[in-house]
Amino acid sequence: MASSTVNVVRYTALLSGVFYGIAHRRSLQKAHDEEKLHHAVHEREHLIQQAKEAWKQKQEAPKDSIVTDPEDPRFDIEKLISKWEKEYS
């Protein structure tokens, strides 16, 4: 049979391993959460930058341009047909 000293060493090693595992898991989880937050912030900044560029391009577009998208509320079929008539005449 194992002596009491061996049992103390075994259980001490077991409990030390368990507590080390818990502490290590917490540190890994904290690093992962920080990386996830950093990624979310970076992604949001990227989307804001894209939106600013799209807004700038929209504002730079000529105001008298003809909208060719039928889903757009500013779409006017008469203007589009007259444009086509001018182009192909």
PDB file of N, CA and C in Angstrom:
ATOM      1  N   MET A   1       0.821  -1.169   0.000  1.00  0.00           N
ATOM      2  CA  MET A   1       0.000   0.000   0.000  1.00  0.00           C
ATOM      3  C   MET A   1       0.875   1.247   0.000  1.00  0.00           C
ATOM      4  N   ALA A   2       0.265   2.314  -0.488  1.00  0.00           N
ATOM      5  CA  ALA A   2       0.999   3.567  -0.566  1.00  0.00           C
ATOM      6  C   ALA A   2       1.037   4.217   0.806  1.00  0.00           C
ATOM      7  N   SER A   3       2.135   4.824   1.092  1.00  0.00           N
ATOM      8  CA  SER A   3       2.268   5.481   2.385  1.00  0.00           C
ATOM      9  C   SER A   3       1.493   6.799   2.360  1.00  0.00           C
ATOM     10  N   SER A   4       1.287   7.369   3.531  1.00  0.00           N
ATOM     11  CA  SER A   4       0.529   8.614   3.632  1.00  0.00           C
ATOM     12  C   SER A   4       1.279   9.764   2.964  1.00  0.00           C
ATOM     13  N   THR A   5       2.620   9.710   2.950  1.00  0.00           N
ATOM     14  CA  THR A   5       3.410  10.762   2.306  1.00  0.00           C
ATOM     15  C   THR A   5       3.174  10.756   0.798  1.00  0.00           C
ATOM     16  N   VAL A   6       3.128   9.560   0.219  1.00  0.00           N
ATOM     17  CA  VAL A   6       2.897   9.443  -1.217  1.00  0.00           C
ATOM     18  C   VAL A   6       1.497   9.955  -1.561  1.00  0.00           C
ATOM     19  N   ASN A   7       0.517   9.619  -0.727  1.00  0.00           N
ATOM     20  CA  ASN A   7      -0.845  10.098  -0.964  1.00  0.00           C
ATOM     21  C   ASN A   7      -0.918  11.623  -0.879  1.00  0.00           C
ATOM     22  N   VAL A   8      -0.226  12.217   0.065  1.00  0.00           N
ATOM     23  CA  VAL A   8      -0.208  13.680   0.209  1.00  0.00           C
ATOM     24  C   VAL A   8       0.413  14.304  -1.038  1.00  0.00           C
ATOM     25  N   VAL A   9       1.505  13.734  -1.509  1.00  0.00           N
ATOM     26  CA  VAL A   9       2.158  14.261  -2.713  1.00  0.00           C
ATOM     27  C   VAL A   9       1.239  14.112  -3.926  1.00  0.00           C
ATOM     28  N   ARG A  10       0.575  12.983  -4.064  1.00  0.00           N
ATOM     29  CA  ARG A  10      -0.327  12.759  -5.191  1.00  0.00           C
ATOM     30  C   ARG A  10      -1.468  13.777  -5.199  1.00  0.00           C
ATOM     31  N   TYR A  11      -2.140  13.919  -4.068  1.00  0.00           N
ATOM     32  CA  TYR A  11      -3.272  14.840  -4.014  1.00  0.00           C
ATOM     33  C   TYR A  11      -2.838  16.298  -4.124  1.00  0.00           C
ATOM     34  N   THR A  12      -1.665  16.604  -3.609  1.00  0.00           N
ATOM     35  CA  THR A  12      -1.135  17.959  -3.759  1.00  0.00           C
ATOM     36  C   THR A  12      -0.867  18.255  -5.233  1.00  0.00           C
ATOM     37  N   ALA A  13      -0.273  17.295  -5.935  1.00  0.00           N
ATOM     38  CA  ALA A  13      -0.011  17.472  -7.360  1.00  0.00           C
ATOM     39  C   ALA A  13      -1.326  17.578  -8.132  1.00  0.00           C
ATOM     40  N   LEU A  14      -2.300  16.763  -7.776  1.00  0.00           N
ATOM     41  CA  LEU A  14      -3.593  16.801  -8.444  1.00  0.00           C
ATOM     42  C   LEU A  14      -4.272  18.158  -8.249  1.00  0.00           C
ATOM     43  N   LEU A  15      -4.353  18.620  -7.022  1.00  0.00           N
ATOM     44  CA  LEU A  15      -4.995  19.906  -6.745  1.00  0.00           C
ATOM     45  C   LEU A  15      -4.207  21.067  -7.348  1.00  0.00           C
ATOM     46  N   SER A  16      -2.892  20.970  -7.329  1.00  0.00           N
ATOM     47  CA  SER A  16      -2.084  22.020  -7.959  1.00  0.00           C
ATOM     48  C   SER A  16      -2.356  22.078  -9.453  1.00  0.00           C
ATOM     49  N   GLY A  17      -2.475  20.932 -10.082  1.00  0.00           N
ATOM     50  CA  GLY A  17      -2.778  20.876 -11.511  1.00  0.00           C
ATOM     51  C   GLY A  17      -4.159  21.441 -11.826  1.00  0.00           C
ATOM     52  N   VAL A  18      -5.119  21.128 -10.979  1.00  0.00           N
ATOM     53  CA  VAL A  18      -6.469  21.644 -11.184  1.00  0.00           C
ATOM     54  C   VAL A  18      -6.479  23.163 -11.061  1.00  0.00           C
ATOM     55  N   PHE A  19      -5.866  23.690 -10.019  1.00  0.00           N
ATOM     56  CA  PHE A  19      -5.837  25.144  -9.830  1.00  0.00           C
ATOM     57  C   PHE A  19      -5.024  25.841 -10.922  1.00  0.00           C
ATOM     58  N   TYR A  20      -3.939  25.220 -11.360  1.00  0.00           N
ATOM     59  CA  TYR A  20      -3.165  25.786 -12.462  1.00  0.00           C
ATOM     60  C   TYR A  20      -4.015  25.817 -13.732  1.00  0.00           C
ATOM     61  N   GLY A  21      -4.745  24.738 -13.985  1.00  0.00           N
ATOM     62  CA  GLY A  21      -5.609  24.683 -15.157  1.00  0.00           C
ATOM     63  C   GLY A  21      -6.675  25.770 -15.141  1.00  0.00           C
ATOM     64  N   ILE A  22      -7.261  25.995 -13.970  1.00  0.00           N
ATOM     65  CA  ILE A  22      -8.275  27.045 -13.844  1.00  0.00           C
ATOM     66  C   ILE A  22      -7.658  28.418 -14.107  1.00  0.00           C
ATOM     67  N   ALA A  23      -6.498  28.682 -13.515  1.00  0.00           N
ATOM     68  CA  ALA A  23      -5.842  29.979 -13.694  1.00  0.00           C
ATOM     69  C   ALA A  23      -5.409  30.175 -15.150  1.00  0.00           C
ATOM     70  N   HIS A  24      -4.877  29.133 -15.755  1.00  0.00           N
ATOM     71  CA  HIS A  24      -4.429  29.226 -17.144  1.00  0.00           C
ATOM     72  C   HIS A  24      -5.625  29.437 -18.080  1.00  0.00           C
ATOM     73  N   ARG A  25      -6.703  28.743 -17.843  1.00  0.00           N
ATOM     74  CA  ARG A  25      -7.919  28.907 -18.646  1.00  0.00           C
ATOM     75  C   ARG A  25      -8.439  30.336 -18.560  1.00  0.00           C
ATOM     76  N   ARG A  26      -8.424  30.913 -17.353  1.00  0.00           N
ATOM     77  CA  ARG A  26      -8.878  32.296 -17.191  1.00  0.00           C
ATOM     78  C   ARG A  26      -7.996  33.264 -17.964  1.00  0.00           C
ATOM     79  N   SER A  27      -6.695  33.050 -17.927  1.00  0.00           N
ATOM     80  CA  SER A  27      -5.802  33.962 -18.646  1.00  0.00           C
ATOM     81  C   SER A  27      -5.998  33.833 -20.158  1.00  0.00           C
ATOM     82  N   LEU A  28      -6.165  32.608 -20.652  1.00  0.00           N
ATOM     83  CA  LEU A  28      -6.424  32.416 -22.081  1.00  0.00           C
ATOM     84  C   LEU A  28      -7.757  33.025 -22.493  1.00  0.00           C
ATOM     85  N   GLN A  29      -8.773  32.857 -21.652  1.00  0.00           N
ATOM     86  CA  GLN A  29     -10.087  33.406 -21.964  1.00  0.00           C
ATOM     87  C   GLN A  29     -10.044  34.932 -21.975  1.00  0.00           C
ATOM     88  N   LYS A  30      -9.311  35.523 -21.055  1.00  0.00           N
ATOM     89  CA  LYS A  30      -9.194  36.975 -21.011  1.00  0.00           C
ATOM     90  C   LYS A  30      -8.501  37.496 -22.266  1.00  0.00           C
ATOM     91  N   ALA A  31      -7.431  36.833 -22.689  1.00  0.00           N
ATOM     92  CA  ALA A  31      -6.723  37.244 -23.898  1.00  0.00           C
ATOM     93  C   ALA A  31      -7.625  37.087 -25.124  1.00  0.00           C
ATOM     94  N   HIS A  32      -8.391  36.019 -25.170  1.00  0.00           N
ATOM     95  CA  HIS A  32      -9.310  35.796 -26.287  1.00  0.00           C
ATOM     96  C   HIS A  32     -10.401  36.871 -26.326  1.00  0.00           C
ATOM     97  N   ASP A  33     -10.949  37.216 -25.170  1.00  0.00           N
ATOM     98  CA  ASP A  33     -11.987  38.247 -25.115  1.00  0.00           C
ATOM     99  C   ASP A  33     -11.444  39.603 -25.558  1.00  0.00           C
ATOM    100  N   GLU A  34     -10.209  39.926 -25.154  1.00  0.00           N
ATOM    101  CA  GLU A  34      -9.605  41.193 -25.569  1.00  0.00           C
ATOM    102  C   GLU A  34      -9.374  41.216 -27.077  1.00  0.00           C
ATOM    103  N   GLU A  35      -8.924  40.106 -27.633  1.00  0.00           N
ATOM    104  CA  GLU A  35      -8.705  40.024 -29.082  1.00  0.00           C
ATOM    105  C   GLU A  35     -10.031  40.138 -29.835  1.00  0.00           C
ATOM    106  N   LYS A  36     -11.063  39.515 -29.308  1.00  0.00           N
ATOM    107  CA  LYS A  36     -12.378  39.569 -29.927  1.00  0.00           C
ATOM    108  C   LYS A  36     -12.915  41.009 -29.912  1.00  0.00           C
ATOM    109  N   LEU A  37     -12.731  41.708 -28.806  1.00  0.00           N
ATOM    110  CA  LEU A  37     -13.159  43.100 -28.697  1.00  0.00           C
ATOM    111  C   LEU A  37     -12.374  43.975 -29.665  1.00  0.00           C
ATOM    112  N   HIS A  38     -11.069  43.754 -29.739  1.00  0.00           N
ATOM    113  CA  HIS A  38     -10.231  44.520 -30.658  1.00  0.00           C
ATOM    114  C   HIS A  38     -10.678  44.301 -32.101  1.00  0.00           C
ATOM    115  N   HIS A  39     -10.977  43.066 -32.440  1.00  0.00           N
ATOM    116  CA  HIS A  39     -11.427  42.746 -33.797  1.00  0.00           C
ATOM    117  C   HIS A  39     -12.768  43.423 -34.088  1.00  0.00           C
ATOM    118  N   ALA A  40     -13.686  43.410 -33.125  1.00  0.00           N
ATOM    119  CA  ALA A  40     -14.993  44.038 -33.328  1.00  0.00           C
ATOM    120  C   ALA A  40     -14.849  45.542 -33.536  1.00  0.00           C
ATOM    121  N   VAL A  41     -13.976  46.176 -32.752  1.00  0.00           N
ATOM    122  CA  VAL A  41     -13.753  47.614 -32.891  1.00  0.00           C
ATOM    123  C   VAL A  41     -13.132  47.915 -34.248  1.00  0.00           C
ATOM    124  N   HIS A  42     -12.152  47.111 -34.642  1.00  0.00           N
ATOM    125  CA  HIS A  42     -11.505  47.315 -35.936  1.00  0.00           C
ATOM    126  C   HIS A  42     -12.500  47.131 -37.080  1.00  0.00           C
ATOM    127  N   GLU A  43     -13.351  46.134 -36.986  1.00  0.00           N
ATOM    128  CA  GLU A  43     -14.352  45.886 -38.022  1.00  0.00           C
ATOM    129  C   GLU A  43     -15.332  47.051 -38.108  1.00  0.00           C
ATOM    130  N   ARG A  44     -15.747  47.576 -36.955  1.00  0.00           N
ATOM    131  CA  ARG A  44     -16.670  48.707 -36.955  1.00  0.00           C
ATOM    132  C   ARG A  44     -16.018  49.933 -37.581  1.00  0.00           C
ATOM    133  N   GLU A  45     -14.740  50.174 -37.265  1.00  0.00           N
ATOM    134  CA  GLU A  45     -14.030  51.303 -37.869  1.00  0.00           C
ATOM    135  C   GLU A  45     -13.941  51.135 -39.381  1.00  0.00           C
ATOM    136  N   HIS A  46     -13.709  49.907 -39.822  1.00  0.00           N
ATOM    137  CA  HIS A  46     -13.620  49.628 -41.257  1.00  0.00           C
ATOM    138  C   HIS A  46     -14.961  49.905 -41.938  1.00  0.00           C
ATOM    139  N   LEU A  47     -16.061  49.483 -41.317  1.00  0.00           N
ATOM    140  CA  LEU A  47     -17.376  49.718 -41.893  1.00  0.00           C
ATOM    141  C   LEU A  47     -17.711  51.207 -41.928  1.00  0.00           C
ATOM    142  N   ILE A  48     -17.317  51.932 -40.895  1.00  0.00           N
ATOM    143  CA  ILE A  48     -17.553  53.376 -40.873  1.00  0.00           C
ATOM    144  C   ILE A  48     -16.773  54.039 -41.989  1.00  0.00           C
ATOM    145  N   GLN A  49     -15.531  53.623 -42.194  1.00  0.00           N
ATOM    146  CA  GLN A  49     -14.717  54.183 -43.268  1.00  0.00           C
ATOM    147  C   GLN A  49     -15.346  53.901 -44.631  1.00  0.00           C
ATOM    148  N   GLN A  50     -15.843  52.686 -44.829  1.00  0.00           N
ATOM    149  CA  GLN A  50     -16.509  52.349 -46.091  1.00  0.00           C
ATOM    150  C   GLN A  50     -17.750  53.209 -46.295  1.00  0.00           C
ATOM    151  N   ALA A  51     -18.511  53.420 -45.225  1.00  0.00           N
ATOM    152  CA  ALA A  51     -19.716  54.235 -45.340  1.00  0.00           C
ATOM    153  C   ALA A  51     -19.364  55.679 -45.680  1.00  0.00           C
ATOM    154  N   LYS A  52     -18.291  56.195 -45.084  1.00  0.00           N
ATOM    155  CA  LYS A  52     -17.863  57.560 -45.391  1.00  0.00           C
ATOM    156  C   LYS A  52     -17.451  57.685 -46.849  1.00  0.00           C
ATOM    157  N   GLU A  53     -16.734  56.694 -47.363  1.00  0.00           N
ATOM    158  CA  GLU A  53     -16.320  56.720 -48.764  1.00  0.00           C
ATOM    159  C   GLU A  53     -17.523  56.641 -49.694  1.00  0.00           C
ATOM    160  N   ALA A  54     -18.498  55.794 -49.350  1.00  0.00           N
ATOM    161  CA  ALA A  54     -19.697  55.682 -50.181  1.00  0.00           C
ATOM    162  C   ALA A  54     -20.476  56.989 -50.161  1.00  0.00           C
ATOM    163  N   TRP A  55     -20.558  57.631 -48.997  1.00  0.00           N
ATOM    164  CA  TRP A  55     -21.264  58.902 -48.890  1.00  0.00           C
ATOM    165  C   TRP A  55     -20.560  59.975 -49.728  1.00  0.00           C
ATOM    166  N   LYS A  56     -19.239  59.972 -49.664  1.00  0.00           N
ATOM    167  CA  LYS A  56     -18.477  60.951 -50.433  1.00  0.00           C
ATOM    168  C   LYS A  56     -18.692  60.741 -51.925  1.00  0.00           C
ATOM    169  N   GLN A  57     -18.688  59.492 -52.371  1.00  0.00           N
ATOM    170  CA  GLN A  57     -18.918  59.208 -53.790  1.00  0.00           C
ATOM    171  C   GLN A  57     -20.331  59.598 -54.196  1.00  0.00           C
ATOM    172  N   LYS A  58     -21.272  59.387 -53.315  1.00  0.00           N
ATOM    173  CA  LYS A  58     -22.654  59.743 -53.623  1.00  0.00           C
ATOM    174  C   LYS A  58     -22.803  61.256 -53.740  1.00  0.00           C
ATOM    175  N   GLN A  59     -22.122  61.976 -52.875  1.00  0.00           N
ATOM    176  CA  GLN A  59     -22.210  63.428 -52.911  1.00  0.00           C
ATOM    177  C   GLN A  59     -21.488  64.009 -54.127  1.00  0.00           C
ATOM    178  N   GLU A  60     -20.448  63.335 -54.597  1.00  0.00           N
ATOM    179  CA  GLU A  60     -19.684  63.818 -55.740  1.00  0.00           C
ATOM    180  C   GLU A  60     -20.377  63.512 -57.068  1.00  0.00           C
ATOM    181  N   ALA A  61     -21.353  62.636 -57.059  1.00  0.00           N
ATOM    182  CA  ALA A  61     -22.060  62.282 -58.295  1.00  0.00           C
ATOM    183  C   ALA A  61     -22.816  63.510 -58.793  1.00  0.00           C
ATOM    184  N   PRO A  62     -22.861  63.694 -60.109  1.00  0.00           N
ATOM    185  CA  PRO A  62     -23.582  64.851 -60.638  1.00  0.00           C
ATOM    186  C   PRO A  62     -25.069  64.783 -60.284  1.00  0.00           C
ATOM    187  N   LYS A  63     -25.630  65.927 -59.977  1.00  0.00           N
ATOM    188  CA  LYS A  63     -27.031  65.977 -59.530  1.00  0.00           C
ATOM    189  C   LYS A  63     -28.007  65.715 -60.673  1.00  0.00           C
ATOM    190  N   ASP A  64     -27.626  66.043 -61.903  1.00  0.00           N
ATOM    191  CA  ASP A  64     -28.535  65.867 -63.023  1.00  0.00           C
ATOM    192  C   ASP A  64     -28.396  64.496 -63.683  1.00  0.00           C
ATOM    193  N   SER A  65     -27.658  63.595 -63.061  1.00  0.00           N
ATOM    194  CA  SER A  65     -27.497  62.266 -63.644  1.00  0.00           C
ATOM    195  C   SER A  65     -28.823  61.508 -63.596  1.00  0.00           C
ATOM    196  N   ILE A  66     -28.982  60.648 -64.529  1.00  0.00           N
ATOM    197  CA  ILE A  66     -30.231  59.902 -64.642  1.00  0.00           C
ATOM    198  C   ILE A  66     -30.085  58.600 -63.881  1.00  0.00           C
ATOM    199  N   VAL A  67     -31.077  58.313 -63.080  1.00  0.00           N
ATOM    200  CA  VAL A  67     -31.093  57.094 -62.274  1.00  0.00           C
ATOM    201  C   VAL A  67     -31.622  55.969 -63.144  1.00  0.00           C
ATOM    202  N   THR A  68     -30.841  54.903 -63.284  1.00  0.00           N
ATOM    203  CA  THR A  68     -31.252  53.770 -64.122  1.00  0.00           C
ATOM    204  C   THR A  68     -31.752  52.586 -63.309  1.00  0.00           C
ATOM    205  N   ASP A  69     -31.749  52.707 -61.997  1.00  0.00           N
ATOM    206  CA  ASP A  69     -32.216  51.626 -61.139  1.00  0.00           C
ATOM    207  C   ASP A  69     -33.724  51.771 -60.923  1.00  0.00           C
ATOM    208  N   PRO A  70     -34.532  50.825 -61.401  1.00  0.00           N
ATOM    209  CA  PRO A  70     -35.980  50.968 -61.252  1.00  0.00           C
ATOM    210  C   PRO A  70     -36.449  50.885 -59.800  1.00  0.00           C
ATOM    211  N   GLU A  71     -35.629  50.376 -58.904  1.00  0.00           N
ATOM    212  CA  GLU A  71     -36.002  50.284 -57.498  1.00  0.00           C
ATOM    213  C   GLU A  71     -35.782  51.602 -56.761  1.00  0.00           C
ATOM    214  N   ASP A  72     -35.026  52.503 -57.347  1.00  0.00           N
ATOM    215  CA  ASP A  72     -34.725  53.793 -56.733  1.00  0.00           C
ATOM    216  C   ASP A  72     -35.954  54.697 -56.808  1.00  0.00           C
ATOM    217  N   PRO A  73     -36.301  55.382 -55.706  1.00  0.00           N
ATOM    218  CA  PRO A  73     -37.484  56.254 -55.747  1.00  0.00           C
ATOM    219  C   PRO A  73     -37.319  57.444 -56.691  1.00  0.00           C
ATOM    220  N   ARG A  74     -36.095  57.800 -57.071  1.00  0.00           N
ATOM    221  CA  ARG A  74     -35.866  58.919 -57.979  1.00  0.00           C
ATOM    222  C   ARG A  74     -35.890  58.484 -59.450  1.00  0.00           C
ATOM    223  N   PHE A  75     -36.198  57.236 -59.704  1.00  0.00           N
ATOM    224  CA  PHE A  75     -36.202  56.705 -61.067  1.00  0.00           C
ATOM    225  C   PHE A  75     -37.312  57.358 -61.887  1.00  0.00           C
ATOM    226  N   ASP A  76     -36.950  57.825 -63.088  1.00  0.00           N
ATOM    227  CA  ASP A  76     -37.925  58.445 -63.989  1.00  0.00           C
ATOM    228  C   ASP A  76     -37.737  57.828 -65.376  1.00  0.00           C
ATOM    229  N   ILE A  77     -38.724  57.064 -65.808  1.00  0.00           N
ATOM    230  CA  ILE A  77     -38.613  56.340 -67.077  1.00  0.00           C
ATOM    231  C   ILE A  77     -38.554  57.294 -68.266  1.00  0.00           C
ATOM    232  N   GLU A  78     -39.261  58.410 -68.176  1.00  0.00           N
ATOM    233  CA  GLU A  78     -39.269  59.358 -69.293  1.00  0.00           C
ATOM    234  C   GLU A  78     -37.882  59.954 -69.520  1.00  0.00           C
ATOM    235  N   LYS A  79     -37.194  60.309 -68.437  1.00  0.00           N
ATOM    236  CA  LYS A  79     -35.840  60.849 -68.572  1.00  0.00           C
ATOM    237  C   LYS A  79     -34.896  59.792 -69.140  1.00  0.00           C
ATOM    238  N   LEU A  80     -35.060  58.566 -68.728  1.00  0.00           N
ATOM    239  CA  LEU A  80     -34.207  57.492 -69.216  1.00  0.00           C
ATOM    240  C   LEU A  80     -34.433  57.257 -70.713  1.00  0.00           C
ATOM    241  N   ILE A  81     -35.674  57.245 -71.139  1.00  0.00           N
ATOM    242  CA  ILE A  81     -35.968  57.035 -72.557  1.00  0.00           C
ATOM    243  C   ILE A  81     -35.437  58.194 -73.396  1.00  0.00           C
ATOM    244  N   SER A  82     -35.594  59.414 -72.909  1.00  0.00           N
ATOM    245  CA  SER A  82     -35.085  60.565 -73.671  1.00  0.00           C
ATOM    246  C   SER A  82     -33.556  60.531 -73.741  1.00  0.00           C
ATOM    247  N   LYS A  83     -32.906  60.049 -72.692  1.00  0.00           N
ATOM    248  CA  LYS A  83     -31.448  59.908 -72.718  1.00  0.00           C
ATOM    249  C   LYS A  83     -31.039  58.900 -73.783  1.00  0.00           C
ATOM    250  N   TRP A  84     -31.749  57.767 -73.825  1.00  0.00           N
ATOM    251  CA  TRP A  84     -31.432  56.739 -74.814  1.00  0.00           C
ATOM    252  C   TRP A  84     -31.671  57.257 -76.240  1.00  0.00           C
ATOM    253  N   GLU A  85     -32.705  58.033 -76.405  1.00  0.00           N
ATOM    254  CA  GLU A  85     -33.003  58.591 -77.731  1.00  0.00           C
ATOM    255  C   GLU A  85     -31.881  59.522 -78.175  1.00  0.00           C
ATOM    256  N   LYS A  86     -31.364  60.313 -77.254  1.00  0.00           N
ATOM    257  CA  LYS A  86     -30.259  61.226 -77.586  1.00  0.00           C
ATOM    258  C   LYS A  86     -28.992  60.453 -77.903  1.00  0.00           C
ATOM    259  N   GLU A  87     -28.729  59.396 -77.179  1.00  0.00           N
ATOM    260  CA  GLU A  87     -27.507  58.612 -77.395  1.00  0.00           C
ATOM    261  C   GLU A  87     -27.527  57.873 -78.723  1.00  0.00           C
ATOM    262  N   TYR A  88     -28.667  57.299 -79.079  1.00  0.00           N
ATOM    263  CA  TYR A  88     -28.726  56.441 -80.247  1.00  0.00           C
ATOM    264  C   TYR A  88     -29.220  57.160 -81.501  1.00  0.00           C
ATOM    265  N   SER A  89     -29.470  58.452 -81.397  1.00  0.00           N
ATOM    266  CA  SER A  89     -29.926  59.212 -82.584  1.00  0.00           C
ATOM    267  C   SER A  89     -28.763  59.770 -83.340  1.00  0.00           C
TER     268      SER A  89
END
